mmCIF file of all heavy atoms, coordinates in Angstrom:
data_MODEL
# 
_entry.id   MODEL 
# 
loop_
_atom_site.group_PDB 
_atom_site.id 
_atom_site.type_symbol 
_atom_site.label_atom_id 
_atom_site.label_alt_id 
_atom_site.label_comp_id 
_atom_site.label_asym_id 
_atom_site.label_entity_id 
_atom_site.label_seq_id 
_atom_site.pdbx_PDB_ins_code 
_atom_site.Cartn_x 
_atom_site.Cartn_y 
_atom_site.Cartn_z 
_atom_site.occupancy 
_atom_site.B_iso_or_equiv 
_atom_site.pdbx_formal_charge 
_atom_site.auth_seq_id 
_atom_site.auth_comp_id 
_atom_site.auth_asym_id 
_atom_site.auth_atom_id 
_atom_site.pdbx_PDB_model_num 
ATOM 1   N N   . SER A 1 1  ? 94.522 80.200  143.208 1.00 0.00 ? 1  SER A N   1 
ATOM 2   C CA  . SER A 1 1  ? 94.877 80.829  144.484 1.00 0.00 ? 1  SER A CA  1 
ATOM 3   C C   . SER A 1 1  ? 94.886 82.347  144.410 1.00 0.00 ? 1  SER A C   1 
ATOM 4   O O   . SER A 1 1  ? 94.883 83.012  145.448 1.00 0.00 ? 1  SER A O   1 
ATOM 5   C CB  . SER A 1 1  ? 96.266 80.330  144.930 1.00 0.00 ? 1  SER A CB  1 
ATOM 6   O OG  . SER A 1 1  ? 97.249 80.651  143.960 1.00 0.00 ? 1  SER A OG  1 
ATOM 7   N N   . ASN A 1 2  ? 94.887 82.922  143.192 1.00 0.00 ? 2  ASN A N   1 
ATOM 8   C CA  . ASN A 1 2  ? 94.875 84.379  143.025 1.00 0.00 ? 2  ASN A CA  1 
ATOM 9   C C   . ASN A 1 2  ? 93.466 84.938  142.854 1.00 0.00 ? 2  ASN A C   1 
ATOM 10  O O   . ASN A 1 2  ? 93.312 86.101  142.480 1.00 0.00 ? 2  ASN A O   1 
ATOM 11  C CB  . ASN A 1 2  ? 95.730 84.768  141.810 1.00 0.00 ? 2  ASN A CB  1 
ATOM 12  C CG  . ASN A 1 2  ? 97.193 84.442  142.010 1.00 0.00 ? 2  ASN A CG  1 
ATOM 13  O OD1 . ASN A 1 2  ? 97.724 84.564  143.115 1.00 0.00 ? 2  ASN A OD1 1 
ATOM 14  N ND2 . ASN A 1 2  ? 97.867 84.031  140.945 1.00 0.00 ? 2  ASN A ND2 1 
ATOM 15  N N   . ARG A 1 3  ? 92.457 84.137  143.107 1.00 0.00 ? 3  ARG A N   1 
ATOM 16  C CA  . ARG A 1 3  ? 91.061 84.585  142.961 1.00 0.00 ? 3  ARG A CA  1 
ATOM 17  C C   . ARG A 1 3  ? 90.706 85.531  144.108 1.00 0.00 ? 3  ARG A C   1 
ATOM 18  O O   . ARG A 1 3  ? 90.901 85.220  145.286 1.00 0.00 ? 3  ARG A O   1 
ATOM 19  C CB  . ARG A 1 3  ? 90.135 83.377  142.942 1.00 0.00 ? 3  ARG A CB  1 
ATOM 20  C CG  . ARG A 1 3  ? 88.654 83.690  142.739 1.00 0.00 ? 3  ARG A CG  1 
ATOM 21  C CD  . ARG A 1 3  ? 87.921 82.369  142.609 1.00 0.00 ? 3  ARG A CD  1 
ATOM 22  N NE  . ARG A 1 3  ? 86.499 82.479  142.767 1.00 0.00 ? 3  ARG A NE  1 
ATOM 23  C CZ  . ARG A 1 3  ? 85.633 82.585  141.757 1.00 0.00 ? 3  ARG A CZ  1 
ATOM 24  N NH1 . ARG A 1 3  ? 86.082 82.624  140.514 1.00 0.00 ? 3  ARG A NH1 1 
ATOM 25  N NH2 . ARG A 1 3  ? 84.331 82.636  141.975 1.00 0.00 ? 3  ARG A NH2 1 
ATOM 26  N N   . VAL A 1 4  ? 90.189 86.707  143.748 1.00 0.00 ? 4  VAL A N   1 
ATOM 27  C CA  . VAL A 1 4  ? 89.841 87.751  144.719 1.00 0.00 ? 4  VAL A CA  1 
ATOM 28  C C   . VAL A 1 4  ? 88.341 88.009  144.619 1.00 0.00 ? 4  VAL A C   1 
ATOM 29  O O   . VAL A 1 4  ? 87.779 88.060  143.517 1.00 0.00 ? 4  VAL A O   1 
ATOM 30  C CB  . VAL A 1 4  ? 90.632 89.051  144.447 1.00 0.00 ? 4  VAL A CB  1 
ATOM 31  C CG1 . VAL A 1 4  ? 90.230 90.135  145.448 1.00 0.00 ? 4  VAL A CG1 1 
ATOM 32  C CG2 . VAL A 1 4  ? 92.131 88.792  144.528 1.00 0.00 ? 4  VAL A CG2 1 
ATOM 33  N N   . GLU A 1 5  ? 87.696 88.170  145.758 1.00 0.00 ? 5  GLU A N   1 
ATOM 34  C CA  . GLU A 1 5  ? 86.252 88.412  145.809 1.00 0.00 ? 5  GLU A CA  1 
ATOM 35  C C   . GLU A 1 5  ? 85.968 89.774  146.440 1.00 0.00 ? 5  GLU A C   1 
ATOM 36  O O   . GLU A 1 5  ? 86.570 90.147  147.449 1.00 0.00 ? 5  GLU A O   1 
ATOM 37  C CB  . GLU A 1 5  ? 85.545 87.327  146.617 1.00 0.00 ? 5  GLU A CB  1 
ATOM 38  C CG  . GLU A 1 5  ? 84.041 87.548  146.755 1.00 0.00 ? 5  GLU A CG  1 
ATOM 39  C CD  . GLU A 1 5  ? 83.367 86.515  147.650 1.00 0.00 ? 5  GLU A CD  1 
ATOM 40  O OE1 . GLU A 1 5  ? 84.103 85.677  148.211 1.00 0.00 ? 5  GLU A OE1 1 
ATOM 41  O OE2 . GLU A 1 5  ? 82.141 86.545  147.788 1.00 0.00 ? 5  GLU A OE2 1 
ATOM 42  N N   . ARG A 1 6  ? 85.053 90.507  145.826 1.00 0.00 ? 6  ARG A N   1 
ATOM 43  C CA  . ARG A 1 6  ? 84.532 91.756  146.386 1.00 0.00 ? 6  ARG A CA  1 
ATOM 44  C C   . ARG A 1 6  ? 83.017 91.710  146.271 1.00 0.00 ? 6  ARG A C   1 
ATOM 45  O O   . ARG A 1 6  ? 82.487 91.199  145.289 1.00 0.00 ? 6  ARG A O   1 
ATOM 46  C CB  . ARG A 1 6  ? 85.099 92.976  145.659 1.00 0.00 ? 6  ARG A CB  1 
ATOM 47  C CG  . ARG A 1 6  ? 86.599 93.175  145.827 1.00 0.00 ? 6  ARG A CG  1 
ATOM 48  C CD  . ARG A 1 6  ? 86.942 93.507  147.261 1.00 0.00 ? 6  ARG A CD  1 
ATOM 49  N NE  . ARG A 1 6  ? 88.367 93.728  147.455 1.00 0.00 ? 6  ARG A NE  1 
ATOM 50  C CZ  . ARG A 1 6  ? 89.226 92.812  147.827 1.00 0.00 ? 6  ARG A CZ  1 
ATOM 51  N NH1 . ARG A 1 6  ? 88.782 91.573  148.055 1.00 0.00 ? 6  ARG A NH1 1 
ATOM 52  N NH2 . ARG A 1 6  ? 90.495 93.074  147.987 1.00 0.00 ? 6  ARG A NH2 1 
ATOM 53  N N   . GLU A 1 7  ? 82.324 92.256  147.252 1.00 0.00 ? 7  GLU A N   1 
ATOM 54  C CA  . GLU A 1 7  ? 80.871 92.083  147.315 1.00 0.00 ? 7  GLU A CA  1 
ATOM 55  C C   . GLU A 1 7  ? 80.176 93.397  147.636 1.00 0.00 ? 7  GLU A C   1 
ATOM 56  O O   . GLU A 1 7  ? 80.630 94.166  148.497 1.00 0.00 ? 7  GLU A O   1 
ATOM 57  C CB  . GLU A 1 7  ? 80.527 91.036  148.374 1.00 0.00 ? 7  GLU A CB  1 
ATOM 58  C CG  . GLU A 1 7  ? 79.067 90.643  148.420 1.00 0.00 ? 7  GLU A CG  1 
ATOM 59  C CD  . GLU A 1 7  ? 78.820 89.513  149.402 1.00 0.00 ? 7  GLU A CD  1 
ATOM 60  O OE1 . GLU A 1 7  ? 78.672 89.803  150.613 1.00 0.00 ? 7  GLU A OE1 1 
ATOM 61  O OE2 . GLU A 1 7  ? 78.804 88.352  148.983 1.00 0.00 ? 7  GLU A OE2 1 
ATOM 62  N N   . PHE A 1 8  ? 79.076 93.637  146.934 1.00 0.00 ? 8  PHE A N   1 
ATOM 63  C CA  . PHE A 1 8  ? 78.181 94.757  147.205 1.00 0.00 ? 8  PHE A CA  1 
ATOM 64  C C   . PHE A 1 8  ? 76.831 94.192  147.643 1.00 0.00 ? 8  PHE A C   1 
ATOM 65  O O   . PHE A 1 8  ? 76.319 93.239  147.047 1.00 0.00 ? 8  PHE A O   1 
ATOM 66  C CB  . PHE A 1 8  ? 77.970 95.621  145.960 1.00 0.00 ? 8  PHE A CB  1 
ATOM 67  C CG  . PHE A 1 8  ? 79.060 96.640  145.731 1.00 0.00 ? 8  PHE A CG  1 
ATOM 68  C CD1 . PHE A 1 8  ? 80.005 96.453  144.749 1.00 0.00 ? 8  PHE A CD1 1 
ATOM 69  C CD2 . PHE A 1 8  ? 79.123 97.778  146.506 1.00 0.00 ? 8  PHE A CD2 1 
ATOM 70  C CE1 . PHE A 1 8  ? 80.994 97.368  144.534 1.00 0.00 ? 8  PHE A CE1 1 
ATOM 71  C CE2 . PHE A 1 8  ? 80.121 98.713  146.312 1.00 0.00 ? 8  PHE A CE2 1 
ATOM 72  C CZ  . PHE A 1 8  ? 81.066 98.515  145.317 1.00 0.00 ? 8  PHE A CZ  1 
ATOM 73  N N   . ILE A 1 9  ? 76.260 94.799  148.681 1.00 0.00 ? 9  ILE A N   1 
ATOM 74  C CA  . ILE A 1 9  ? 74.926 94.439  149.157 1.00 0.00 ? 9  ILE A CA  1 
ATOM 75  C C   . ILE A 1 9  ? 74.072 95.710  149.167 1.00 0.00 ? 9  ILE A C   1 
ATOM 76  O O   . ILE A 1 9  ? 74.427 96.698  149.830 1.00 0.00 ? 9  ILE A O   1 
ATOM 77  C CB  . ILE A 1 9  ? 74.964 93.799  150.556 1.00 0.00 ? 9  ILE A CB  1 
ATOM 78  C CG1 . ILE A 1 9  ? 75.790 92.516  150.536 1.00 0.00 ? 9  ILE A CG1 1 
ATOM 79  C CG2 . ILE A 1 9  ? 73.552 93.511  151.049 1.00 0.00 ? 9  ILE A CG2 1 
ATOM 80  C CD1 . ILE A 1 9  ? 75.943 91.861  151.895 1.00 0.00 ? 9  ILE A CD1 1 
ATOM 81  N N   . VAL A 1 10 ? 72.993 95.674  148.405 1.00 0.00 ? 10 VAL A N   1 
ATOM 82  C CA  . VAL A 1 10 ? 72.098 96.833  148.299 1.00 0.00 ? 10 VAL A CA  1 
ATOM 83  C C   . VAL A 1 10 ? 70.720 96.407  148.793 1.00 0.00 ? 10 VAL A C   1 
ATOM 84  O O   . VAL A 1 10 ? 70.130 95.453  148.274 1.00 0.00 ? 10 VAL A O   1 
ATOM 85  C CB  . VAL A 1 10 ? 72.012 97.341  146.846 1.00 0.00 ? 10 VAL A CB  1 
ATOM 86  C CG1 . VAL A 1 10 ? 71.123 98.579  146.773 1.00 0.00 ? 10 VAL A CG1 1 
ATOM 87  C CG2 . VAL A 1 10 ? 73.406 97.639  146.298 1.00 0.00 ? 10 VAL A CG2 1 
ATOM 88  N N   . SER A 1 11 ? 70.201 97.125  149.782 1.00 0.00 ? 11 SER A N   1 
ATOM 89  C CA  . SER A 1 11 ? 68.883 96.828  150.354 1.00 0.00 ? 11 SER A CA  1 
ATOM 90  C C   . SER A 1 11 ? 67.971 98.031  150.187 1.00 0.00 ? 11 SER A C   1 
ATOM 91  O O   . SER A 1 11 ? 68.418 99.187  150.329 1.00 0.00 ? 11 SER A O   1 
ATOM 92  C CB  . SER A 1 11 ? 69.004 96.451  151.839 1.00 0.00 ? 11 SER A CB  1 
ATOM 93  O OG  . SER A 1 11 ? 69.804 95.288  152.002 1.00 0.00 ? 11 SER A OG  1 
ATOM 94  N N   . SER A 1 12 ? 66.712 97.756  149.898 1.00 0.00 ? 12 SER A N   1 
ATOM 95  C CA  . SER A 1 12 ? 65.741 98.837  149.734 1.00 0.00 ? 12 SER A CA  1 
ATOM 96  C C   . SER A 1 12 ? 64.353 98.318  150.057 1.00 0.00 ? 12 SER A C   1 
ATOM 97  O O   . SER A 1 12 ? 64.121 97.103  150.136 1.00 0.00 ? 12 SER A O   1 
ATOM 98  C CB  . SER A 1 12 ? 65.780 99.394  148.300 1.00 0.00 ? 12 SER A CB  1 
ATOM 99  O OG  . SER A 1 12 ? 65.462 98.382  147.365 1.00 0.00 ? 12 SER A OG  1 
ATOM 100 N N   . LEU A 1 13 ? 63.437 99.247  150.251 1.00 0.00 ? 13 LEU A N   1 
ATOM 101 C CA  . LEU A 1 13 ? 62.032 98.940  150.510 1.00 0.00 ? 13 LEU A CA  1 
ATOM 102 C C   . LEU A 1 13 ? 61.202 99.499  149.376 1.00 0.00 ? 13 LEU A C   1 
ATOM 103 O O   . LEU A 1 13 ? 61.301 100.691 149.042 1.00 0.00 ? 13 LEU A O   1 
ATOM 104 C CB  . LEU A 1 13 ? 61.584 99.535  151.854 1.00 0.00 ? 13 LEU A CB  1 
ATOM 105 C CG  . LEU A 1 13 ? 62.232 98.949  153.116 1.00 0.00 ? 13 LEU A CG  1 
ATOM 106 C CD1 . LEU A 1 13 ? 61.773 99.719  154.344 1.00 0.00 ? 13 LEU A CD1 1 
ATOM 107 C CD2 . LEU A 1 13 ? 61.878 97.469  153.253 1.00 0.00 ? 13 LEU A CD2 1 
ATOM 108 N N   . VAL A 1 14 ? 60.361 98.661  148.786 1.00 0.00 ? 14 VAL A N   1 
ATOM 109 C CA  . VAL A 1 14 ? 59.504 99.059  147.677 1.00 0.00 ? 14 VAL A CA  1 
ATOM 110 C C   . VAL A 1 14 ? 58.073 99.170  148.180 1.00 0.00 ? 14 VAL A C   1 
ATOM 111 O O   . VAL A 1 14 ? 57.569 98.258  148.844 1.00 0.00 ? 14 VAL A O   1 
ATOM 112 C CB  . VAL A 1 14 ? 59.583 98.041  146.515 1.00 0.00 ? 14 VAL A CB  1 
ATOM 113 C CG1 . VAL A 1 14 ? 58.661 98.459  145.379 1.00 0.00 ? 14 VAL A CG1 1 
ATOM 114 C CG2 . VAL A 1 14 ? 61.012 97.919  146.030 1.00 0.00 ? 14 VAL A CG2 1 
ATOM 115 N N   . GLY A 1 15 ? 57.427 100.282 147.859 1.00 0.00 ? 15 GLY A N   1 
ATOM 116 C CA  . GLY A 1 15 ? 56.048 100.488 148.290 1.00 0.00 ? 15 GLY A CA  1 
ATOM 117 C C   . GLY A 1 15 ? 55.935 101.319 149.553 1.00 0.00 ? 15 GLY A C   1 
ATOM 118 O O   . GLY A 1 15 ? 54.873 101.327 150.192 1.00 0.00 ? 15 GLY A O   1 
ATOM 119 N N   . VAL A 1 16 ? 56.985 102.000 149.937 1.00 0.00 ? 16 VAL A N   1 
ATOM 120 C CA  . VAL A 1 16 ? 56.928 102.881 151.115 1.00 0.00 ? 16 VAL A CA  1 
ATOM 121 C C   . VAL A 1 16 ? 56.205 104.158 150.720 1.00 0.00 ? 16 VAL A C   1 
ATOM 122 O O   . VAL A 1 16 ? 56.547 104.787 149.705 1.00 0.00 ? 16 VAL A O   1 
ATOM 123 C CB  . VAL A 1 16 ? 58.348 103.196 151.622 1.00 0.00 ? 16 VAL A CB  1 
ATOM 124 C CG1 . VAL A 1 16 ? 58.290 104.128 152.826 1.00 0.00 ? 16 VAL A CG1 1 
ATOM 125 C CG2 . VAL A 1 16 ? 59.069 101.908 151.981 1.00 0.00 ? 16 VAL A CG2 1 
ATOM 126 N N   . PRO A 1 17 ? 55.175 104.564 151.463 1.00 0.00 ? 17 PRO A N   1 
ATOM 127 C CA  . PRO A 1 17 ? 54.462 105.793 151.088 1.00 0.00 ? 17 PRO A CA  1 
ATOM 128 C C   . PRO A 1 17 ? 55.380 107.003 151.228 1.00 0.00 ? 17 PRO A C   1 
ATOM 129 O O   . PRO A 1 17 ? 56.256 107.051 152.101 1.00 0.00 ? 17 PRO A O   1 
ATOM 130 C CB  . PRO A 1 17 ? 53.296 105.843 152.092 1.00 0.00 ? 17 PRO A CB  1 
ATOM 131 C CG  . PRO A 1 17 ? 53.754 105.012 153.247 1.00 0.00 ? 17 PRO A CG  1 
ATOM 132 C CD  . PRO A 1 17 ? 54.616 103.934 152.666 1.00 0.00 ? 17 PRO A CD  1 
ATOM 133 N N   . PRO A 1 18 ? 55.215 107.971 150.358 1.00 0.00 ? 18 PRO A N   1 
ATOM 134 C CA  . PRO A 1 18 ? 56.072 109.159 150.450 1.00 0.00 ? 18 PRO A CA  1 
ATOM 135 C C   . PRO A 1 18 ? 55.770 109.955 151.713 1.00 0.00 ? 18 PRO A C   1 
ATOM 136 O O   . PRO A 1 18 ? 54.667 109.877 152.268 1.00 0.00 ? 18 PRO A O   1 
ATOM 137 C CB  . PRO A 1 18 ? 55.705 109.941 149.180 1.00 0.00 ? 18 PRO A CB  1 
ATOM 138 C CG  . PRO A 1 18 ? 54.309 109.507 148.857 1.00 0.00 ? 18 PRO A CG  1 
ATOM 139 C CD  . PRO A 1 18 ? 54.236 108.064 149.265 1.00 0.00 ? 18 PRO A CD  1 
ATOM 140 N N   . PRO A 1 19 ? 56.707 110.703 152.185 1.00 0.00 ? 19 PRO A N   1 
ATOM 141 C CA  . PRO A 1 19 ? 56.463 111.524 153.388 1.00 0.00 ? 19 PRO A CA  1 
ATOM 142 C C   . PRO A 1 19 ? 55.446 112.617 153.101 1.00 0.00 ? 19 PRO A C   1 
ATOM 143 O O   . PRO A 1 19 ? 55.246 113.025 151.949 1.00 0.00 ? 19 PRO A O   1 
ATOM 144 C CB  . PRO A 1 19 ? 57.855 112.108 153.687 1.00 0.00 ? 19 PRO A CB  1 
ATOM 145 C CG  . PRO A 1 19 ? 58.563 112.095 152.377 1.00 0.00 ? 19 PRO A CG  1 
ATOM 146 C CD  . PRO A 1 19 ? 58.071 110.878 151.658 1.00 0.00 ? 19 PRO A CD  1 
ATOM 147 N N   . PRO A 1 20 ? 54.754 113.085 154.132 1.00 0.00 ? 20 PRO A N   1 
ATOM 148 C CA  . PRO A 1 20 ? 53.746 114.135 153.909 1.00 0.00 ? 20 PRO A CA  1 
ATOM 149 C C   . PRO A 1 20 ? 54.414 115.418 153.426 1.00 0.00 ? 20 PRO A C   1 
ATOM 150 O O   . PRO A 1 20 ? 55.545 115.743 153.795 1.00 0.00 ? 20 PRO A O   1 
ATOM 151 C CB  . PRO A 1 20 ? 53.113 114.311 155.301 1.00 0.00 ? 20 PRO A CB  1 
ATOM 152 C CG  . PRO A 1 20 ? 54.150 113.815 156.256 1.00 0.00 ? 20 PRO A CG  1 
ATOM 153 C CD  . PRO A 1 20 ? 54.864 112.715 155.555 1.00 0.00 ? 20 PRO A CD  1 
ATOM 154 N N   . SER A 1 21 ? 53.679 116.107 152.576 1.00 0.00 ? 21 SER A N   1 
ATOM 155 C CA  . SER A 1 21 ? 54.196 117.372 152.045 1.00 0.00 ? 21 SER A CA  1 
ATOM 156 C C   . SER A 1 21 ? 53.871 118.494 153.022 1.00 0.00 ? 21 SER A C   1 
ATOM 157 O O   . SER A 1 21 ? 52.743 118.595 153.516 1.00 0.00 ? 21 SER A O   1 
ATOM 158 C CB  . SER A 1 21 ? 53.584 117.660 150.671 1.00 0.00 ? 21 SER A CB  1 
ATOM 159 O OG  . SER A 1 21 ? 52.170 117.716 150.769 1.00 0.00 ? 21 SER A OG  1 
ATOM 160 N N   . TYR A 1 22 ? 54.856 119.280 153.300 1.00 0.00 ? 22 TYR A N   1 
ATOM 161 C CA  . TYR A 1 22 ? 54.676 120.410 154.211 1.00 0.00 ? 22 TYR A CA  1 
ATOM 162 C C   . TYR A 1 22 ? 54.319 121.659 153.415 1.00 0.00 ? 22 TYR A C   1 
ATOM 163 O O   . TYR A 1 22 ? 54.743 121.819 152.262 1.00 0.00 ? 22 TYR A O   1 
ATOM 164 C CB  . TYR A 1 22 ? 55.955 120.648 155.000 1.00 0.00 ? 22 TYR A CB  1 
ATOM 165 C CG  . TYR A 1 22 ? 56.298 119.504 155.926 1.00 0.00 ? 22 TYR A CG  1 
ATOM 166 C CD1 . TYR A 1 22 ? 57.181 118.497 155.530 1.00 0.00 ? 22 TYR A CD1 1 
ATOM 167 C CD2 . TYR A 1 22 ? 55.729 119.407 157.187 1.00 0.00 ? 22 TYR A CD2 1 
ATOM 168 C CE1 . TYR A 1 22 ? 57.491 117.438 156.371 1.00 0.00 ? 22 TYR A CE1 1 
ATOM 169 C CE2 . TYR A 1 22 ? 56.037 118.352 158.037 1.00 0.00 ? 22 TYR A CE2 1 
ATOM 170 C CZ  . TYR A 1 22 ? 56.916 117.379 157.630 1.00 0.00 ? 22 TYR A CZ  1 
ATOM 171 O OH  . TYR A 1 22 ? 57.209 116.321 158.450 1.00 0.00 ? 22 TYR A OH  1 
ATOM 172 N N   . PRO A 1 23 ? 53.512 122.567 154.015 1.00 0.00 ? 23 PRO A N   1 
ATOM 173 C CA  . PRO A 1 23 ? 53.145 123.793 153.284 1.00 0.00 ? 23 PRO A CA  1 
ATOM 174 C C   . PRO A 1 23 ? 54.377 124.652 153.019 1.00 0.00 ? 23 PRO A C   1 
ATOM 175 O O   . PRO A 1 23 ? 55.352 124.639 153.784 1.00 0.00 ? 23 PRO A O   1 
ATOM 176 C CB  . PRO A 1 23 ? 52.165 124.498 154.240 1.00 0.00 ? 23 PRO A CB  1 
ATOM 177 C CG  . PRO A 1 23 ? 52.494 123.952 155.590 1.00 0.00 ? 23 PRO A CG  1 
ATOM 178 C CD  . PRO A 1 23 ? 52.924 122.532 155.368 1.00 0.00 ? 23 PRO A CD  1 
ATOM 179 N N   . ALA A 1 24 ? 54.319 125.333 151.910 1.00 0.00 ? 24 ALA A N   1 
ATOM 180 C CA  . ALA A 1 24 ? 55.446 126.192 151.545 1.00 0.00 ? 24 ALA A CA  1 
ATOM 181 C C   . ALA A 1 24 ? 55.518 127.382 152.491 1.00 0.00 ? 24 ALA A C   1 
ATOM 182 O O   . ALA A 1 24 ? 54.497 127.868 153.004 1.00 0.00 ? 24 ALA A O   1 
ATOM 183 C CB  . ALA A 1 24 ? 55.281 126.661 150.095 1.00 0.00 ? 24 ALA A CB  1 
ATOM 184 N N   . TYR A 1 25 ? 56.741 127.827 152.710 1.00 0.00 ? 25 TYR A N   1 
ATOM 185 C CA  . TYR A 1 25 ? 56.918 129.000 153.567 1.00 0.00 ? 25 TYR A CA  1 
ATOM 186 C C   . TYR A 1 25 ? 56.413 130.238 152.847 1.00 0.00 ? 25 TYR A C   1 
ATOM 187 O O   . TYR A 1 25 ? 56.547 130.359 151.624 1.00 0.00 ? 25 TYR A O   1 
ATOM 188 C CB  . TYR A 1 25 ? 58.394 129.179 153.911 1.00 0.00 ? 25 TYR A CB  1 
ATOM 189 C CG  . TYR A 1 25 ? 58.918 128.116 154.839 1.00 0.00 ? 25 TYR A CG  1 
ATOM 190 C CD1 . TYR A 1 25 ? 59.622 127.013 154.355 1.00 0.00 ? 25 TYR A CD1 1 
ATOM 191 C CD2 . TYR A 1 25 ? 58.725 128.214 156.209 1.00 0.00 ? 25 TYR A CD2 1 
ATOM 192 C CE1 . TYR A 1 25 ? 60.099 126.027 155.201 1.00 0.00 ? 25 TYR A CE1 1 
ATOM 193 C CE2 . TYR A 1 25 ? 59.203 127.234 157.069 1.00 0.00 ? 25 TYR A CE2 1 
ATOM 194 C CZ  . TYR A 1 25 ? 59.887 126.143 156.568 1.00 0.00 ? 25 TYR A CZ  1 
ATOM 195 O OH  . TYR A 1 25 ? 60.353 125.178 157.408 1.00 0.00 ? 25 TYR A OH  1 
ATOM 196 N N   . PRO A 1 26 ? 55.783 131.166 153.610 1.00 0.00 ? 26 PRO A N   1 
ATOM 197 C CA  . PRO A 1 26 ? 55.302 132.394 152.954 1.00 0.00 ? 26 PRO A CA  1 
ATOM 198 C C   . PRO A 1 26 ? 56.477 133.220 152.433 1.00 0.00 ? 26 PRO A C   1 
ATOM 199 O O   . PRO A 1 26 ? 57.570 133.214 152.990 1.00 0.00 ? 26 PRO A O   1 
ATOM 200 C CB  . PRO A 1 26 ? 54.555 133.125 154.083 1.00 0.00 ? 26 PRO A CB  1 
ATOM 201 C CG  . PRO A 1 26 ? 55.168 132.594 155.337 1.00 0.00 ? 26 PRO A CG  1 
ATOM 202 C CD  . PRO A 1 26 ? 55.532 131.156 155.055 1.00 0.00 ? 26 PRO A CD  1 
# 
């Protein structure tokens, strides 16, 4: 009766293309 539960849920996407690179500021 003293059993305690805690839960973590981690979600992610694999294979997402990286965002476009913006030119550096002058």
